[in-house]
PDB file of N, CA and C in Angstrom:
ATOM      1  N   UNK A   1     -23.788  90.289 -30.689  1.00  0.00           N
ATOM      2  CA  UNK A   1     -23.942  89.122 -31.691  1.00  0.00           C
ATOM      3  C   UNK A   1     -24.989  88.410 -31.560  1.00  0.00           C
ATOM      4  N   UNK A   2     -25.358  88.220 -32.991  1.00  0.00           N
ATOM      5  CA  UNK A   2     -26.893  86.964 -33.356  1.00  0.00           C
ATOM      6  C   UNK A   2     -26.707  85.494 -32.177  1.00  0.00           C
ATOM      7  N   UNK A   3     -28.199  85.634 -32.769  1.00  0.00           N
ATOM      8  CA  UNK A   3     -28.225  84.347 -31.779  1.00  0.00           C
ATOM      9  C   UNK A   3     -28.255  83.275 -31.998  1.00  0.00           C
ATOM     10  N   UNK A   4     -27.721  82.452 -33.605  1.00  0.00           N
ATOM     11  CA  UNK A   4     -26.588  81.796 -34.422  1.00  0.00           C
ATOM     12  C   UNK A   4     -26.014  81.469 -34.057  1.00  0.00           C
ATOM     13  N   UNK A   5     -25.224  83.444 -33.843  1.00  0.00           N
ATOM     14  CA  UNK A   5     -23.265  83.328 -34.102  1.00  0.00           C
ATOM     15  C   UNK A   5     -23.028  83.276 -31.995  1.00  0.00           C
ATOM     16  N   UNK A   6     -24.241  83.297 -31.048  1.00  0.00           N
ATOM     17  CA  UNK A   6     -23.717  82.848 -29.525  1.00  0.00           C
ATOM     18  C   UNK A   6     -24.111  81.695 -30.006  1.00  0.00           C
ATOM     19  N   UNK A   7     -25.275  81.270 -29.893  1.00  0.00           N
ATOM     20  CA  UNK A   7     -25.112  79.496 -30.382  1.00  0.00           C
ATOM     21  C   UNK A   7     -23.899  78.581 -30.377  1.00  0.00           C
ATOM     22  N   UNK A   8     -23.104  78.862 -31.577  1.00  0.00           N
ATOM     23  CA  UNK A   8     -21.793  78.517 -31.765  1.00  0.00           C
ATOM     24  C   UNK A   8     -20.926  78.635 -31.268  1.00  0.00           C
ATOM     25  N   UNK A   9     -20.991  80.643 -30.946  1.00  0.00           N
ATOM     26  CA  UNK A   9     -19.954  80.185 -29.977  1.00  0.00           C
ATOM     27  C   UNK A   9     -19.660  79.720 -28.446  1.00  0.00           C
ATOM     28  N   UNK A  10     -21.569  79.544 -28.248  1.00  0.00           N
ATOM     29  CA  UNK A  10     -21.231  79.229 -26.597  1.00  0.00           C
ATOM     30  C   UNK A  10     -20.471  77.393 -26.943  1.00  0.00           C
ATOM     31  N   UNK A  11     -21.013  77.467 -27.726  1.00  0.00           N
ATOM     32  CA  UNK A  11     -20.548  75.899 -27.999  1.00  0.00           C
ATOM     33  C   UNK A  11     -19.678  75.549 -28.464  1.00  0.00           C
ATOM     34  N   UNK A  12     -18.018  76.422 -28.894  1.00  0.00           N
ATOM     35  CA  UNK A  12     -17.063  76.459 -28.915  1.00  0.00           C
ATOM     36  C   UNK A  12     -16.235  76.479 -27.168  1.00  0.00           C
ATOM     37  N   UNK A  13     -17.303  77.687 -26.675  1.00  0.00           N
ATOM     38  CA  UNK A  13     -16.661  77.581 -25.343  1.00  0.00           C
ATOM     39  C   UNK A  13     -16.919  76.201 -24.654  1.00  0.00           C
ATOM     40  N   UNK A  14     -17.802  76.055 -24.551  1.00  0.00           N
ATOM     41  CA  UNK A  14     -18.225  74.811 -23.465  1.00  0.00           C
ATOM     42  C   UNK A  14     -17.241  73.475 -24.451  1.00  0.00           C
ATOM     43  N   UNK A  15     -17.372  73.897 -25.670  1.00  0.00           N
ATOM     44  CA  UNK A  15     -16.142  72.170 -25.807  1.00  0.00           C
ATOM     45  C   UNK A  15     -14.051  72.624 -25.609  1.00  0.00           C
ATOM     46  N   UNK A  16     -14.020  74.102 -25.263  1.00  0.00           N
ATOM     47  CA  UNK A  16     -12.837  74.403 -24.959  1.00  0.00           C
ATOM     48  C   UNK A  16     -12.762  74.281 -23.036  1.00  0.00           C
ATOM     49  N   UNK A  17     -13.439  74.303 -22.463  1.00  0.00           N
ATOM     50  CA  UNK A  17     -13.664  74.365 -21.033  1.00  0.00           C
ATOM     51  C   UNK A  17     -13.514  72.918 -21.129  1.00  0.00           C
ATOM     52  N   UNK A  18     -14.472  72.239 -21.526  1.00  0.00           N
ATOM     53  CA  UNK A  18     -14.168  70.310 -21.150  1.00  0.00           C
ATOM     54  C   UNK A  18     -12.963  69.692 -21.358  1.00  0.00           C
ATOM     55  N   UNK A  19     -12.308  70.510 -22.184  1.00  0.00           N
ATOM     56  CA  UNK A  19     -10.637  69.497 -22.515  1.00  0.00           C
ATOM     57  C   UNK A  19      -9.875  69.616 -21.369  1.00  0.00           C
ATOM     58  N   UNK A  20      -9.377  70.605 -20.799  1.00  0.00           N
ATOM     59  CA  UNK A  20      -8.524  70.594 -20.601  1.00  0.00           C
ATOM     60  C   UNK A  20      -8.827  70.465 -18.904  1.00  0.00           C
ATOM     61  N   UNK A  21     -10.615  70.104 -18.653  1.00  0.00           N
ATOM     62  CA  UNK A  21     -11.310  69.734 -16.924  1.00  0.00           C
ATOM     63  C   UNK A  21     -11.398  68.569 -17.220  1.00  0.00           C
ATOM     64  N   UNK A  22     -11.675  67.824 -18.531  1.00  0.00           N
ATOM     65  CA  UNK A  22     -11.256  66.518 -18.431  1.00  0.00           C
ATOM     66  C   UNK A  22      -9.304  65.709 -18.380  1.00  0.00           C
ATOM     67  N   UNK A  23      -8.830  66.335 -19.051  1.00  0.00           N
ATOM     68  CA  UNK A  23      -7.572  66.452 -17.740  1.00  0.00           C
ATOM     69  C   UNK A  23      -6.998  66.619 -16.393  1.00  0.00           C
ATOM     70  N   UNK A  24      -7.441  67.711 -16.204  1.00  0.00           N
ATOM     71  CA  UNK A  24      -7.055  67.841 -14.490  1.00  0.00           C
ATOM     72  C   UNK A  24      -8.043  66.596 -13.684  1.00  0.00           C
ATOM     73  N   UNK A  25      -8.739  66.265 -14.479  1.00  0.00           N
ATOM     74  CA  UNK A  25     -10.371  65.223 -13.547  1.00  0.00           C
ATOM     75  C   UNK A  25      -9.193  63.671 -13.457  1.00  0.00           C
ATOM     76  N   UNK A  26      -8.627  63.316 -14.812  1.00  0.00           N
ATOM     77  CA  UNK A  26      -7.898  62.350 -15.557  1.00  0.00           C
ATOM     78  C   UNK A  26      -6.866  62.277 -14.804  1.00  0.00           C
ATOM     79  N   UNK A  27      -5.979  63.324 -14.461  1.00  0.00           N
ATOM     80  CA  UNK A  27      -4.898  63.094 -13.948  1.00  0.00           C
ATOM     81  C   UNK A  27      -4.859  63.400 -12.101  1.00  0.00           C
ATOM     82  N   UNK A  28      -6.299  63.765 -11.752  1.00  0.00           N
ATOM     83  CA  UNK A  28      -6.547  64.071  -9.948  1.00  0.00           C
ATOM     84  C   UNK A  28      -6.837  62.328  -9.567  1.00  0.00           C
ATOM     85  N   UNK A  29      -7.857  61.442 -10.250  1.00  0.00           N
ATOM     86  CA  UNK A  29      -8.006  60.696 -10.261  1.00  0.00           C
ATOM     87  C   UNK A  29      -6.468  59.465 -10.015  1.00  0.00           C
ATOM     88  N   UNK A  30      -5.667  59.372 -11.212  1.00  0.00           N
ATOM     89  CA  UNK A  30      -4.468  58.835 -10.951  1.00  0.00           C
ATOM     90  C   UNK A  30      -4.062  59.031 -10.313  1.00  0.00           C
ATOM     91  N   UNK A  31      -3.677  59.956  -9.659  1.00  0.00           N
ATOM     92  CA  UNK A  31      -3.091  60.554  -8.265  1.00  0.00           C
ATOM     93  C   UNK A  31      -3.507  60.108  -7.167  1.00  0.00           C
ATOM     94  N   UNK A  32      -4.833  60.117  -7.326  1.00  0.00           N
ATOM     95  CA  UNK A  32      -5.524  59.432  -5.921  1.00  0.00           C
ATOM     96  C   UNK A  32      -5.285  58.144  -6.103  1.00  0.00           C
ATOM     97  N   UNK A  33      -5.377  57.381  -6.743  1.00  0.00           N
ATOM     98  CA  UNK A  33      -4.854  55.757  -7.114  1.00  0.00           C
ATOM     99  C   UNK A  33      -3.317  56.132  -6.211  1.00  0.00           C
ATOM    100  N   UNK A  34      -2.540  56.617  -5.960  1.00  0.00           N
ATOM    101  CA  UNK A  34      -0.878  56.586  -5.528  1.00  0.00           C
ATOM    102  C   UNK A  34      -0.917  57.042  -4.304  1.00  0.00           C
ATOM    103  N   UNK A  35      -2.080  57.609  -3.421  1.00  0.00           N
ATOM    104  CA  UNK A  35      -2.004  57.709  -2.658  1.00  0.00           C
ATOM    105  C   UNK A  35      -2.767  56.552  -1.340  1.00  0.00           C
ATOM    106  N   UNK A  36      -2.297  56.744  -0.181  1.00  0.00           N
ATOM    107  CA  UNK A  36      -3.284  55.978   1.054  1.00  0.00           C
ATOM    108  C   UNK A  36      -4.684  56.490   1.796  1.00  0.00           C
ATOM    109  N   UNK A  37      -5.379  56.022   1.990  1.00  0.00           N
ATOM    110  CA  UNK A  37      -6.020  56.816   3.131  1.00  0.00           C
ATOM    111  C   UNK A  37      -5.593  57.533   4.155  1.00  0.00           C
ATOM    112  N   UNK A  38      -5.875  58.914   4.245  1.00  0.00           N
ATOM    113  CA  UNK A  38      -5.478  58.868   5.438  1.00  0.00           C
ATOM    114  C   UNK A  38      -4.399  59.908   4.999  1.00  0.00           C
ATOM    115  N   UNK A  39      -4.082  60.280   3.789  1.00  0.00           N
ATOM    116  CA  UNK A  39      -2.871  61.180   3.389  1.00  0.00           C
ATOM    117  C   UNK A  39      -4.031  62.383   3.189  1.00  0.00           C
ATOM    118  N   UNK A  40      -2.784  63.306   4.015  1.00  0.00           N
ATOM    119  CA  UNK A  40      -3.409  64.700   4.074  1.00  0.00           C
ATOM    120  C   UNK A  40      -3.705  64.916   2.373  1.00  0.00           C
ATOM    121  N   UNK A  41      -2.803  65.263   1.787  1.00  0.00           N
ATOM    122  CA  UNK A  41      -2.860  65.628   0.642  1.00  0.00           C
ATOM    123  C   UNK A  41      -4.091  64.723  -0.646  1.00  0.00           C
ATOM    124  N   UNK A  42      -5.045  63.390  -0.020  1.00  0.00           N
ATOM    125  CA  UNK A  42      -6.529  63.160  -0.652  1.00  0.00           C
ATOM    126  C   UNK A  42      -7.048  64.443  -0.080  1.00  0.00           C
ATOM    127  N   UNK A  43      -7.422  65.030   0.758  1.00  0.00           N
ATOM    128  CA  UNK A  43      -8.073  66.087   1.181  1.00  0.00           C
ATOM    129  C   UNK A  43      -8.200  67.505   0.125  1.00  0.00           C
ATOM    130  N   UNK A  44      -6.583  67.612  -0.686  1.00  0.00           N
ATOM    131  CA  UNK A  44      -6.600  68.223  -1.820  1.00  0.00           C
ATOM    132  C   UNK A  44      -6.544  67.834  -2.657  1.00  0.00           C
ATOM    133  N   UNK A  45      -6.500  66.918  -3.335  1.00  0.00           N
ATOM    134  CA  UNK A  45      -6.970  66.368  -4.691  1.00  0.00           C
ATOM    135  C   UNK A  45      -8.591  65.953  -4.568  1.00  0.00           C
ATOM    136  N   UNK A  46      -9.225  65.660  -3.639  1.00  0.00           N
ATOM    137  CA  UNK A  46     -10.617  65.590  -4.018  1.00  0.00           C
ATOM    138  C   UNK A  46     -11.502  66.700  -4.069  1.00  0.00           C
ATOM    139  N   UNK A  47     -10.852  67.443  -3.374  1.00  0.00           N
ATOM    140  CA  UNK A  47     -11.358  69.432  -3.559  1.00  0.00           C
ATOM    141  C   UNK A  47     -10.950  70.037  -4.574  1.00  0.00           C
ATOM    142  N   UNK A  48      -9.720  68.976  -5.725  1.00  0.00           N
ATOM    143  CA  UNK A  48      -9.904  69.560  -7.134  1.00  0.00           C
ATOM    144  C   UNK A  48     -10.914  68.648  -8.418  1.00  0.00           C
ATOM    145  N   UNK A  49     -10.957  67.239  -7.195  1.00  0.00           N
ATOM    146  CA  UNK A  49     -11.761  66.521  -8.125  1.00  0.00           C
ATOM    147  C   UNK A  49     -13.447  67.139  -8.097  1.00  0.00           C
ATOM    148  N   UNK A  50     -13.792  68.073  -6.852  1.00  0.00           N
ATOM    149  CA  UNK A  50     -14.656  68.023  -6.661  1.00  0.00           C
ATOM    150  C   UNK A  50     -14.665  69.653  -8.159  1.00  0.00           C
ATOM    151  N   UNK A  51     -14.067  70.444  -7.825  1.00  0.00           N
ATOM    152  CA  UNK A  51     -14.298  71.795  -8.102  1.00  0.00           C
ATOM    153  C   UNK A  51     -13.999  71.713  -9.971  1.00  0.00           C
ATOM    154  N   UNK A  52     -13.655  70.665 -10.347  1.00  0.00           N
ATOM    155  CA  UNK A  52     -13.223  69.753 -11.870  1.00  0.00           C
ATOM    156  C   UNK A  52     -14.973  69.373 -12.254  1.00  0.00           C
ATOM    157  N   UNK A  53     -15.376  68.646 -11.306  1.00  0.00           N
ATOM    158  CA  UNK A  53     -16.929  68.005 -11.603  1.00  0.00           C
ATOM    159  C   UNK A  53     -18.187  69.200 -11.991  1.00  0.00           C
ATOM    160  N   UNK A  54     -18.016  70.675 -10.768  1.00  0.00           N
ATOM    161  CA  UNK A  54     -18.901  71.649 -11.069  1.00  0.00           C
ATOM    162  C   UNK A  54     -18.575  71.892 -12.216  1.00  0.00           C
ATOM    163  N   UNK A  55     -17.161  72.337 -12.643  1.00  0.00           N
ATOM    164  CA  UNK A  55     -17.105  73.171 -14.222  1.00  0.00           C
ATOM    165  C   UNK A  55     -17.290  72.293 -15.345  1.00  0.00           C
ATOM    166  N   UNK A  56     -17.429  70.803 -14.960  1.00  0.00           N
ATOM    167  CA  UNK A  56     -18.285  69.874 -16.269  1.00  0.00           C
ATOM    168  C   UNK A  56     -19.531  70.378 -15.910  1.00  0.00           C
ATOM    169  N   UNK A  57     -20.029  70.460 -14.763  1.00  0.00           N
ATOM    170  CA  UNK A  57     -21.311  70.637 -15.066  1.00  0.00           C
ATOM    171  C   UNK A  57     -21.585  71.677 -15.672  1.00  0.00           C
ATOM    172  N   UNK A  58     -21.300  72.746 -15.435  1.00  0.00           N
ATOM    173  CA  UNK A  58     -21.644  74.305 -15.976  1.00  0.00           C
ATOM    174  C   UNK A  58     -21.234  74.401 -17.712  1.00  0.00           C
ATOM    175  N   UNK A  59     -20.118  73.192 -17.568  1.00  0.00           N
ATOM    176  CA  UNK A  59     -19.711  73.760 -19.701  1.00  0.00           C
ATOM    177  C   UNK A  59     -21.046  72.459 -20.095  1.00  0.00           C
ATOM    178  N   UNK A  60     -21.094  71.571 -19.511  1.00  0.00           N
ATOM    179  CA  UNK A  60     -22.626  70.706 -20.245  1.00  0.00           C
ATOM    180  C   UNK A  60     -23.552  71.934 -20.484  1.00  0.00           C
ATOM    181  N   UNK A  61     -23.812  72.567 -19.354  1.00  0.00           N
ATOM    182  CA  UNK A  61     -25.160  73.504 -18.980  1.00  0.00           C
ATOM    183  C   UNK A  61     -25.225  74.630 -20.346  1.00  0.00           C
ATOM    184  N   UNK A  62     -24.043  74.949 -19.913  1.00  0.00           N
ATOM    185  CA  UNK A  62     -23.522  76.210 -22.063  1.00  0.00           C
ATOM    186  C   UNK A  62     -23.830  75.262 -22.901  1.00  0.00           C
ATOM    187  N   UNK A  63     -23.139  74.262 -23.232  1.00  0.00           N
ATOM    188  CA  UNK A  63     -23.372  73.373 -24.155  1.00  0.00           C
ATOM    189  C   UNK A  63     -25.084  72.966 -24.532  1.00  0.00           C
ATOM    190  N   UNK A  64     -25.325  72.662 -23.201  1.00  0.00           N
ATOM    191  CA  UNK A  64     -27.105  73.069 -23.567  1.00  0.00           C
ATOM    192  C   UNK A  64     -28.254  73.983 -24.068  1.00  0.00           C
ATOM    193  N   UNK A  65     -27.426  75.292 -23.467  1.00  0.00           N
ATOM    194  CA  UNK A  65     -27.926  76.275 -23.800  1.00  0.00           C
ATOM    195  C   UNK A  65     -27.428  77.055 -25.374  1.00  0.00           C
ATOM    196  N   UNK A  66     -26.849  76.638 -25.813  1.00  0.00           N
ATOM    197  CA  UNK A  66     -26.094  76.650 -27.208  1.00  0.00           C
ATOM    198  C   UNK A  66     -27.486  76.030 -28.021  1.00  0.00           C
ATOM    199  N   UNK A  67     -27.506  74.194 -27.683  1.00  0.00           N
ATOM    200  CA  UNK A  67     -28.111  73.979 -28.515  1.00  0.00           C
ATOM    201  C   UNK A  67     -29.315  73.742 -28.722  1.00  0.00           C
ATOM    202  N   UNK A  68     -29.979  75.063 -27.761  1.00  0.00           N
ATOM    203  CA  UNK A  68     -31.774  75.088 -27.436  1.00  0.00           C
ATOM    204  C   UNK A  68     -32.216  75.624 -28.787  1.00  0.00           C
ATOM    205  N   UNK A  69     -33.416  74.774 -29.373  1.00  0.00           N
ATOM    206  CA  UNK A  69     -34.006  75.767 -30.558  1.00  0.00           C
ATOM    207  C   UNK A  69     -34.493  76.752 -30.259  1.00  0.00           C
ATOM    208  N   UNK A  70     -35.002  77.207 -29.413  1.00  0.00           N
ATOM    209  CA  UNK A  70     -35.492  78.688 -28.992  1.00  0.00           C
ATOM    210  C   UNK A  70     -34.030  79.938 -29.029  1.00  0.00           C
ATOM    211  N   UNK A  71     -32.509  79.417 -28.684  1.00  0.00           N
ATOM    212  CA  UNK A  71     -31.727  80.004 -28.621  1.00  0.00           C
ATOM    213  C   UNK A  71     -30.945  80.027 -27.346  1.00  0.00           C
ATOM    214  N   UNK A  72     -29.774  80.381 -27.234  1.00  0.00           N
ATOM    215  CA  UNK A  72     -29.173  80.582 -26.126  1.00  0.00           C
ATOM    216  C   UNK A  72     -30.087  81.521 -25.351  1.00  0.00           C
ATOM    217  N   UNK A  73     -30.370  81.362 -24.300  1.00  0.00           N
ATOM    218  CA  UNK A  73     -30.220  82.201 -22.730  1.00  0.00           C
ATOM    219  C   UNK A  73     -29.846  83.506 -23.322  1.00  0.00           C
TER     220      UNK A  73
END
């Protein structure tokens, strides 16, 4: 893949990853509001929230690399 094509591809991948991650994170926040502190399910829900944050950060790094003037890594 040529560098401009790779940059465009990475930008699309980052966008496609962000959409479901945003949905999962939003649903996790809504679920968290329905649970009380001490509920064991909060442990699992918070693990989901941490994982979505890591994936969101990964998508951000991919998008950033796609926009680099010197081309993607």
